[in-house]
N, C-alpha and C. Protein backbone atom coordinates (compact mmCIF):
# COMPACT_ATOMS: atom_id res chain seq x y z
N MET A 1 52.03 102.71 62.45
CA MET A 1 51.48 101.59 61.70
C MET A 1 52.25 101.42 60.41
N ALA A 2 52.27 100.19 59.92
CA ALA A 2 52.96 99.89 58.68
C ALA A 2 52.21 100.48 57.50
N ASN A 3 52.95 100.93 56.51
CA ASN A 3 52.35 101.47 55.31
C ASN A 3 51.88 100.31 54.44
N LYS A 4 50.59 100.08 54.39
CA LYS A 4 50.04 98.94 53.67
C LYS A 4 49.82 99.32 52.21
N ALA A 5 50.33 98.47 51.29
CA ALA A 5 50.17 98.73 49.87
C ALA A 5 48.70 98.56 49.48
N LYS A 6 48.22 99.46 48.65
CA LYS A 6 46.83 99.40 48.20
C LYS A 6 46.71 98.38 47.07
N VAL A 7 45.74 97.50 47.21
CA VAL A 7 45.49 96.47 46.21
C VAL A 7 44.62 97.08 45.11
N PRO A 8 44.97 96.85 43.83
CA PRO A 8 44.15 97.40 42.74
C PRO A 8 42.70 96.92 42.83
N GLU A 9 41.78 97.74 42.33
CA GLU A 9 40.35 97.46 42.43
C GLU A 9 39.97 96.13 41.78
N LYS A 10 40.64 95.79 40.65
CA LYS A 10 40.28 94.54 39.98
C LYS A 10 40.59 93.32 40.84
N TYR A 11 41.56 93.44 41.75
CA TYR A 11 41.87 92.35 42.67
C TYR A 11 41.03 92.44 43.95
N GLN A 12 40.70 93.66 44.34
CA GLN A 12 39.93 93.85 45.57
C GLN A 12 38.58 93.17 45.49
N VAL A 13 37.99 93.13 44.31
CA VAL A 13 36.70 92.45 44.11
C VAL A 13 36.82 90.98 44.48
N TRP A 14 37.93 90.35 44.05
CA TRP A 14 38.14 88.93 44.35
C TRP A 14 38.41 88.71 45.83
N ILE A 15 39.11 89.62 46.46
CA ILE A 15 39.39 89.51 47.89
C ILE A 15 38.07 89.57 48.67
N ASN A 16 37.20 90.51 48.28
CA ASN A 16 35.90 90.62 48.94
C ASN A 16 35.08 89.35 48.76
N ALA A 17 35.09 88.77 47.56
CA ALA A 17 34.34 87.53 47.30
C ALA A 17 34.90 86.39 48.14
N ARG A 18 36.23 86.32 48.24
CA ARG A 18 36.87 85.27 49.03
C ARG A 18 36.43 85.34 50.49
N LYS A 19 36.42 86.54 51.03
CA LYS A 19 36.03 86.72 52.44
C LYS A 19 34.54 86.47 52.64
N ARG A 20 33.72 87.00 51.73
CA ARG A 20 32.27 86.89 51.88
C ARG A 20 31.77 85.45 51.80
N TYR A 21 32.33 84.69 50.86
CA TYR A 21 31.85 83.32 50.64
C TYR A 21 32.78 82.26 51.21
N HIS A 22 33.77 82.67 51.99
CA HIS A 22 34.69 81.75 52.67
C HIS A 22 35.36 80.80 51.67
N LEU A 23 35.89 81.36 50.60
CA LEU A 23 36.55 80.58 49.57
C LEU A 23 38.05 80.51 49.81
N SER A 24 38.68 79.48 49.26
CA SER A 24 40.13 79.36 49.38
C SER A 24 40.80 80.14 48.26
N HIS A 25 42.09 80.32 48.38
CA HIS A 25 42.85 81.01 47.34
C HIS A 25 42.78 80.20 46.04
N ALA A 26 42.78 78.87 46.16
CA ALA A 26 42.69 78.01 44.97
C ALA A 26 41.35 78.20 44.26
N HIS A 27 40.27 78.31 45.02
CA HIS A 27 38.95 78.54 44.42
C HIS A 27 38.93 79.86 43.64
N ILE A 28 39.49 80.89 44.22
CA ILE A 28 39.51 82.20 43.58
C ILE A 28 40.33 82.15 42.30
N GLN A 29 41.51 81.51 42.37
CA GLN A 29 42.36 81.44 41.19
C GLN A 29 41.67 80.65 40.08
N MET A 30 41.02 79.55 40.43
CA MET A 30 40.30 78.76 39.42
C MET A 30 39.18 79.59 38.80
N ALA A 31 38.47 80.34 39.62
CA ALA A 31 37.38 81.17 39.11
C ALA A 31 37.92 82.25 38.18
N ARG A 32 39.05 82.84 38.53
CA ARG A 32 39.65 83.88 37.70
C ARG A 32 40.11 83.31 36.37
N GLU A 33 40.65 82.11 36.39
CA GLU A 33 41.17 81.50 35.16
C GLU A 33 40.07 80.78 34.38
N LEU A 34 38.93 80.60 34.99
CA LEU A 34 37.75 80.01 34.39
C LEU A 34 37.99 78.88 33.39
N GLY A 35 37.65 77.70 33.80
CA GLY A 35 37.71 76.57 32.90
C GLY A 35 38.96 75.73 33.04
N LYS A 36 40.00 76.20 33.72
CA LYS A 36 41.22 75.41 33.90
C LYS A 36 41.07 74.50 35.09
N THR A 37 41.87 73.46 35.13
CA THR A 37 41.88 72.54 36.27
C THR A 37 42.56 73.20 37.45
N ARG A 38 42.59 72.51 38.55
CA ARG A 38 43.18 73.04 39.78
C ARG A 38 44.62 73.51 39.51
N PRO A 39 44.95 74.74 39.90
CA PRO A 39 46.29 75.27 39.65
C PRO A 39 47.35 74.56 40.49
N GLY A 40 48.51 74.36 39.90
CA GLY A 40 49.61 73.71 40.62
C GLY A 40 50.26 74.65 41.62
N ASN A 41 50.38 75.91 41.26
CA ASN A 41 51.02 76.90 42.12
C ASN A 41 49.98 77.97 42.45
N VAL A 42 49.38 77.85 43.62
CA VAL A 42 48.32 78.78 44.03
C VAL A 42 48.96 80.02 44.63
N LYS A 43 48.55 81.19 44.11
CA LYS A 43 49.02 82.47 44.64
C LYS A 43 47.81 83.25 45.11
N THR A 44 47.97 83.94 46.21
CA THR A 44 46.89 84.76 46.72
C THR A 44 46.78 86.03 45.88
N ILE A 45 45.65 86.68 45.97
CA ILE A 45 45.45 87.94 45.25
C ILE A 45 46.47 88.97 45.73
N GLU A 46 46.73 88.96 47.03
CA GLU A 46 47.71 89.90 47.59
C GLU A 46 49.09 89.65 46.99
N GLN A 47 49.46 88.38 46.82
CA GLN A 47 50.75 88.06 46.21
C GLN A 47 50.79 88.53 44.76
N LEU A 48 49.70 88.32 44.03
CA LEU A 48 49.64 88.77 42.64
C LEU A 48 49.79 90.29 42.56
N ALA A 49 49.13 91.00 43.46
CA ALA A 49 49.22 92.46 43.47
C ALA A 49 50.64 92.91 43.77
N LYS A 50 51.30 92.22 44.70
CA LYS A 50 52.68 92.56 45.06
C LYS A 50 53.62 92.32 43.88
N ILE A 51 53.44 91.20 43.18
CA ILE A 51 54.25 90.88 42.01
C ILE A 51 54.05 91.92 40.92
N GLN A 52 52.79 92.29 40.71
CA GLN A 52 52.47 93.28 39.69
C GLN A 52 53.13 94.63 40.03
N GLU A 53 53.08 95.01 41.29
CA GLU A 53 53.68 96.28 41.71
C GLU A 53 55.20 96.23 41.54
N LYS A 54 55.81 95.09 41.85
CA LYS A 54 57.26 94.93 41.70
C LYS A 54 57.65 95.06 40.23
N ASN A 55 56.90 94.40 39.35
CA ASN A 55 57.18 94.47 37.91
C ASN A 55 57.02 95.89 37.40
N LYS A 56 56.01 96.58 37.90
CA LYS A 56 55.76 97.96 37.49
C LYS A 56 56.93 98.85 37.90
N ALA A 57 57.44 98.64 39.11
CA ALA A 57 58.57 99.43 39.60
C ALA A 57 59.82 99.16 38.76
N GLU A 58 60.03 97.90 38.38
CA GLU A 58 61.18 97.55 37.55
C GLU A 58 61.08 98.22 36.17
N ARG A 59 59.86 98.23 35.60
CA ARG A 59 59.67 98.88 34.30
C ARG A 59 59.94 100.38 34.40
N ARG A 60 59.48 100.99 35.49
CA ARG A 60 59.73 102.42 35.70
C ARG A 60 61.23 102.70 35.78
N LYS A 61 61.94 101.84 36.52
CA LYS A 61 63.38 102.01 36.70
C LYS A 61 64.11 101.89 35.36
N CYS A 62 63.75 100.88 34.55
CA CYS A 62 64.36 100.70 33.24
C CYS A 62 64.08 101.89 32.34
N LYS A 63 62.86 102.37 32.38
CA LYS A 63 62.47 103.51 31.55
C LYS A 63 63.26 104.75 31.96
N GLN A 64 63.43 104.92 33.26
CA GLN A 64 64.17 106.08 33.76
C GLN A 64 65.65 105.99 33.35
N LEU A 65 66.23 104.79 33.41
CA LEU A 65 67.62 104.62 33.01
C LEU A 65 67.79 104.88 31.51
N LYS A 66 66.82 104.43 30.71
CA LYS A 66 66.87 104.69 29.26
C LYS A 66 66.83 106.18 28.99
N LYS A 67 65.97 106.86 29.75
CA LYS A 67 65.79 108.30 29.57
C LYS A 67 67.09 109.05 29.87
N GLN A 68 67.82 108.55 30.88
CA GLN A 68 69.08 109.19 31.27
C GLN A 68 70.22 108.84 30.31
N GLY A 69 69.99 107.84 29.46
CA GLY A 69 71.01 107.46 28.48
C GLY A 69 72.03 106.47 29.02
N VAL A 70 71.69 105.73 30.03
CA VAL A 70 72.62 104.74 30.62
C VAL A 70 72.47 103.43 29.91
C-alpha cells in the first residue's frame, strides 16, 4: 500500500466536517476564512496540508545547509 501522509489534526477537523455535512471544498475554505467572499482559487484541505509539509521540508533543508556552513 502507498504510504499516505498524515494530515495535521487542525485540518482533519475540517475534513471530517466536509464529509459529515456533504460540503464542498469552497464551503470549507469560506468557513475557515470566515467573512470573506467566495475564494477565487479553491484548495482542498489535503492540498493545503501537502503545501504546508513541502514548505516545512524546504525550511528543514535550508536550516540543515546553514548548519553545515554552505
